[in-house]
Amino acid sequence: MKSRRKFSAEFKARVALEAIKEQSTLAELAVKYEIHPNQITEWKKIFLANARLTFTEKLPEKKQEEEVRRLYEQIGQLKVENDFLKKKLY
């Protein structure tokens, strides 16, 4: 029995972009990348449906790291409090 192949997001995006450019037919792309034309069509639909996310505002990397650090500190504090209260119960 053949196992399913897994493709990276980069690979899917590259194939979808080539399909959008329409410089090659789906059949040509399918042969080139050894995947079914229906799979290319599906990736193209997903790519186009999510294209708007490219322009959504994201947290700058530094702010994101600070937020993660803050959340880890909060988790640590809650764990300490939780452990303390468990000891008090028994």
N, C-alpha and C. Protein backbone atom coordinates (compact mmCIF):
# COMPACT_ATOMS: atom_id res chain seq x y z
N MET A 1 0.84 -1.19 0.00
CA MET A 1 0.00 0.00 0.00
C MET A 1 0.88 1.25 0.00
N LYS A 2 0.51 2.21 -0.81
CA LYS A 2 1.27 3.43 -0.94
C LYS A 2 0.89 4.41 0.17
N SER A 3 1.89 5.02 0.80
CA SER A 3 1.58 6.01 1.83
C SER A 3 1.34 7.37 1.17
N ARG A 4 0.58 8.20 1.85
CA ARG A 4 0.27 9.52 1.31
C ARG A 4 1.49 10.42 1.36
N ARG A 5 1.63 11.20 0.31
CA ARG A 5 2.74 12.15 0.28
C ARG A 5 2.30 13.43 0.99
N LYS A 6 3.24 14.07 1.62
CA LYS A 6 2.97 15.33 2.30
C LYS A 6 3.77 16.41 1.61
N PHE A 7 3.13 17.54 1.39
CA PHE A 7 3.77 18.65 0.69
C PHE A 7 3.89 19.84 1.63
N SER A 8 4.98 20.55 1.53
CA SER A 8 5.19 21.75 2.36
C SER A 8 4.30 22.88 1.85
N ALA A 9 4.08 23.83 2.73
CA ALA A 9 3.29 25.01 2.38
C ALA A 9 3.97 25.78 1.23
N GLU A 10 5.30 25.82 1.25
CA GLU A 10 6.03 26.53 0.20
C GLU A 10 5.81 25.87 -1.15
N PHE A 11 5.83 24.54 -1.16
CA PHE A 11 5.62 23.81 -2.41
C PHE A 11 4.21 24.07 -2.94
N LYS A 12 3.22 23.98 -2.06
CA LYS A 12 1.83 24.21 -2.47
C LYS A 12 1.66 25.63 -3.03
N ALA A 13 2.27 26.60 -2.36
CA ALA A 13 2.16 27.99 -2.82
C ALA A 13 2.82 28.17 -4.18
N ARG A 14 3.97 27.56 -4.36
CA ARG A 14 4.68 27.66 -5.65
C ARG A 14 3.84 27.08 -6.78
N VAL A 15 3.26 25.90 -6.56
CA VAL A 15 2.43 25.26 -7.57
C VAL A 15 1.18 26.11 -7.83
N ALA A 16 0.55 26.60 -6.77
CA ALA A 16 -0.65 27.42 -6.92
C ALA A 16 -0.33 28.70 -7.72
N LEU A 17 0.79 29.33 -7.43
CA LEU A 17 1.18 30.53 -8.17
C LEU A 17 1.41 30.24 -9.65
N GLU A 18 2.05 29.12 -9.93
CA GLU A 18 2.25 28.75 -11.34
C GLU A 18 0.91 28.53 -12.03
N ALA A 19 -0.03 27.93 -11.32
CA ALA A 19 -1.35 27.69 -11.90
C ALA A 19 -2.08 29.02 -12.14
N ILE A 20 -1.92 29.95 -11.23
CA ILE A 20 -2.56 31.26 -11.38
C ILE A 20 -1.98 32.02 -12.57
N LYS A 21 -0.68 31.91 -12.77
CA LYS A 21 -0.02 32.60 -13.89
C LYS A 21 -0.52 32.10 -15.24
N GLU A 22 -0.99 30.86 -15.28
CA GLU A 22 -1.53 30.24 -16.49
C GLU A 22 -0.53 30.23 -17.66
N GLN A 23 0.75 30.10 -17.35
CA GLN A 23 1.75 29.97 -18.40
C GLN A 23 1.87 28.52 -18.85
N SER A 24 1.39 27.62 -18.00
CA SER A 24 1.35 26.19 -18.32
C SER A 24 -0.06 25.68 -18.02
N THR A 25 -0.45 24.64 -18.70
CA THR A 25 -1.77 24.05 -18.43
C THR A 25 -1.70 23.25 -17.13
N LEU A 26 -2.87 22.94 -16.59
CA LEU A 26 -2.92 22.11 -15.40
C LEU A 26 -2.29 20.75 -15.66
N ALA A 27 -2.53 20.21 -16.84
CA ALA A 27 -1.95 18.92 -17.19
C ALA A 27 -0.42 18.98 -17.21
N GLU A 28 0.13 20.06 -17.75
CA GLU A 28 1.58 20.22 -17.78
C GLU A 28 2.15 20.35 -16.37
N LEU A 29 1.47 21.14 -15.54
CA LEU A 29 1.92 21.29 -14.16
C LEU A 29 1.82 19.98 -13.40
N ALA A 30 0.76 19.23 -13.67
CA ALA A 30 0.57 17.93 -13.00
C ALA A 30 1.71 16.98 -13.33
N VAL A 31 2.12 16.96 -14.58
CA VAL A 31 3.23 16.11 -14.98
C VAL A 31 4.53 16.62 -14.36
N LYS A 32 4.73 17.92 -14.42
CA LYS A 32 5.96 18.53 -13.90
C LYS A 32 6.16 18.23 -12.41
N TYR A 33 5.08 18.36 -11.62
CA TYR A 33 5.18 18.18 -10.18
C TYR A 33 4.70 16.81 -9.69
N GLU A 34 4.28 15.97 -10.61
CA GLU A 34 3.82 14.62 -10.29
C GLU A 34 2.68 14.61 -9.28
N ILE A 35 1.69 15.46 -9.53
CA ILE A 35 0.49 15.50 -8.71
C ILE A 35 -0.73 15.58 -9.62
N HIS A 36 -1.88 15.25 -9.07
CA HIS A 36 -3.11 15.24 -9.86
C HIS A 36 -3.56 16.68 -10.14
N PRO A 37 -4.10 16.94 -11.33
CA PRO A 37 -4.58 18.29 -11.67
C PRO A 37 -5.64 18.81 -10.69
N ASN A 38 -6.47 17.90 -10.17
CA ASN A 38 -7.49 18.33 -9.19
C ASN A 38 -6.84 18.89 -7.93
N GLN A 39 -5.70 18.33 -7.55
CA GLN A 39 -4.99 18.82 -6.38
C GLN A 39 -4.47 20.23 -6.62
N ILE A 40 -3.97 20.48 -7.81
CA ILE A 40 -3.49 21.82 -8.16
C ILE A 40 -4.65 22.81 -8.11
N THR A 41 -5.79 22.43 -8.65
CA THR A 41 -6.98 23.30 -8.63
C THR A 41 -7.39 23.61 -7.20
N GLU A 42 -7.34 22.62 -6.33
CA GLU A 42 -7.71 22.82 -4.92
C GLU A 42 -6.75 23.78 -4.24
N TRP A 43 -5.45 23.59 -4.43
CA TRP A 43 -4.46 24.49 -3.84
C TRP A 43 -4.61 25.91 -4.36
N LYS A 44 -4.94 26.04 -5.64
CA LYS A 44 -5.15 27.35 -6.25
C LYS A 44 -6.34 28.06 -5.59
N LYS A 45 -7.43 27.32 -5.39
CA LYS A 45 -8.62 27.89 -4.72
C LYS A 45 -8.29 28.35 -3.31
N ILE A 46 -7.58 27.51 -2.57
CA ILE A 46 -7.21 27.85 -1.19
C ILE A 46 -6.30 29.08 -1.18
N PHE A 47 -5.34 29.10 -2.09
CA PHE A 47 -4.41 30.22 -2.18
C PHE A 47 -5.16 31.53 -2.43
N LEU A 48 -6.05 31.52 -3.40
CA LEU A 48 -6.79 32.74 -3.75
C LEU A 48 -7.74 33.15 -2.62
N ALA A 49 -8.34 32.18 -1.96
CA ALA A 49 -9.26 32.49 -0.86
C ALA A 49 -8.54 33.14 0.32
N ASN A 50 -7.27 32.80 0.50
CA ASN A 50 -6.52 33.33 1.64
C ASN A 50 -5.53 34.43 1.27
N ALA A 51 -5.56 34.88 0.05
CA ALA A 51 -4.62 35.91 -0.41
C ALA A 51 -4.75 37.20 0.41
N ARG A 52 -5.94 37.50 0.86
CA ARG A 52 -6.17 38.73 1.63
C ARG A 52 -5.37 38.74 2.92
N LEU A 53 -5.06 37.56 3.46
CA LEU A 53 -4.31 37.48 4.71
C LEU A 53 -2.90 38.04 4.57
N THR A 54 -2.41 38.10 3.35
CA THR A 54 -1.08 38.66 3.10
C THR A 54 -1.03 40.12 3.54
N PHE A 55 -2.14 40.81 3.45
CA PHE A 55 -2.16 42.24 3.72
C PHE A 55 -2.76 42.59 5.07
N THR A 56 -3.06 41.58 5.90
CA THR A 56 -3.58 41.87 7.22
C THR A 56 -2.43 42.28 8.12
N GLU A 57 -2.76 43.09 9.10
CA GLU A 57 -1.75 43.60 10.00
C GLU A 57 -1.31 42.51 10.97
N LYS A 58 -0.02 42.33 11.08
CA LYS A 58 0.53 41.34 12.00
C LYS A 58 1.30 42.08 13.08
N LEU A 59 1.43 41.42 14.23
CA LEU A 59 2.27 41.99 15.28
C LEU A 59 3.72 41.95 14.82
N PRO A 60 4.43 43.04 15.02
CA PRO A 60 5.86 42.98 14.72
C PRO A 60 6.50 41.86 15.55
N GLU A 61 7.55 41.29 15.01
CA GLU A 61 8.17 40.13 15.65
C GLU A 61 8.58 40.41 17.09
N LYS A 62 9.12 41.59 17.36
CA LYS A 62 9.56 41.92 18.72
C LYS A 62 8.37 41.97 19.67
N LYS A 63 7.27 42.58 19.25
CA LYS A 63 6.09 42.65 20.09
C LYS A 63 5.52 41.25 20.33
N GLN A 64 5.58 40.43 19.31
CA GLN A 64 5.07 39.07 19.43
C GLN A 64 5.91 38.29 20.45
N GLU A 65 7.22 38.44 20.40
CA GLU A 65 8.09 37.77 21.36
C GLU A 65 7.82 38.26 22.78
N GLU A 66 7.61 39.56 22.94
CA GLU A 66 7.30 40.11 24.26
C GLU A 66 5.98 39.55 24.79
N GLU A 67 5.00 39.43 23.91
CA GLU A 67 3.70 38.89 24.30
C GLU A 67 3.83 37.43 24.73
N VAL A 68 4.62 36.65 24.00
CA VAL A 68 4.84 35.25 24.37
C VAL A 68 5.54 35.17 25.73
N ARG A 69 6.56 36.00 25.94
CA ARG A 69 7.27 36.02 27.22
C ARG A 69 6.33 36.37 28.37
N ARG A 70 5.50 37.38 28.15
CA ARG A 70 4.55 37.81 29.18
C ARG A 70 3.56 36.69 29.51
N LEU A 71 3.10 36.01 28.48
CA LEU A 71 2.15 34.92 28.71
C LEU A 71 2.80 33.75 29.45
N TYR A 72 4.06 33.44 29.13
CA TYR A 72 4.76 32.38 29.85
C TYR A 72 4.94 32.76 31.32
N GLU A 73 5.25 34.03 31.59
CA GLU A 73 5.38 34.49 32.98
C GLU A 73 4.05 34.31 33.72
N GLN A 74 2.97 34.67 33.04
CA GLN A 74 1.65 34.55 33.65
C GLN A 74 1.32 33.08 33.93
N ILE A 75 1.66 32.19 33.00
CA ILE A 75 1.42 30.76 33.19
C ILE A 75 2.23 30.27 34.40
N GLY A 76 3.48 30.69 34.49
CA GLY A 76 4.32 30.30 35.62
C GLY A 76 3.75 30.76 36.94
N GLN A 77 3.30 32.00 36.99
CA GLN A 77 2.71 32.56 38.21
C GLN A 77 1.46 31.77 38.60
N LEU A 78 0.62 31.46 37.65
CA LEU A 78 -0.61 30.71 37.93
C LEU A 78 -0.28 29.30 38.40
N LYS A 79 0.76 28.69 37.86
CA LYS A 79 1.16 27.35 38.29
C LYS A 79 1.63 27.38 39.73
N VAL A 80 2.43 28.37 40.09
CA VAL A 80 2.90 28.50 41.48
C VAL A 80 1.71 28.67 42.41
N GLU A 81 0.78 29.55 42.06
CA GLU A 81 -0.40 29.77 42.89
C GLU A 81 -1.24 28.50 43.00
N ASN A 82 -1.39 27.80 41.91
CA ASN A 82 -2.17 26.57 41.89
C ASN A 82 -1.53 25.51 42.80
N ASP A 83 -0.21 25.35 42.69
CA ASP A 83 0.50 24.38 43.54
C ASP A 83 0.37 24.75 45.01
N PHE A 84 0.48 26.05 45.32
CA PHE A 84 0.36 26.52 46.70
C PHE A 84 -1.03 26.20 47.25
N LEU A 85 -2.06 26.46 46.46
CA LEU A 85 -3.42 26.20 46.92
C LEU A 85 -3.70 24.71 47.07
N LYS A 86 -3.10 23.88 46.22
CA LYS A 86 -3.26 22.44 46.36
C LYS A 86 -2.67 21.96 47.69
N LYS A 87 -1.50 22.51 48.06
CA LYS A 87 -0.85 22.13 49.31
C LYS A 87 -1.70 22.54 50.50
N LYS A 88 -2.34 23.70 50.41
CA LYS A 88 -3.18 24.21 51.49
C LYS A 88 -4.41 23.34 51.69
N LEU A 89 -4.92 22.74 50.61
CA LEU A 89 -6.12 21.89 50.70
C LEU A 89 -5.84 20.62 51.47
N TYR A 90 -4.65 20.09 51.38
CA TYR A 90 -4.35 18.79 51.99
C TYR A 90 -3.60 18.96 53.25
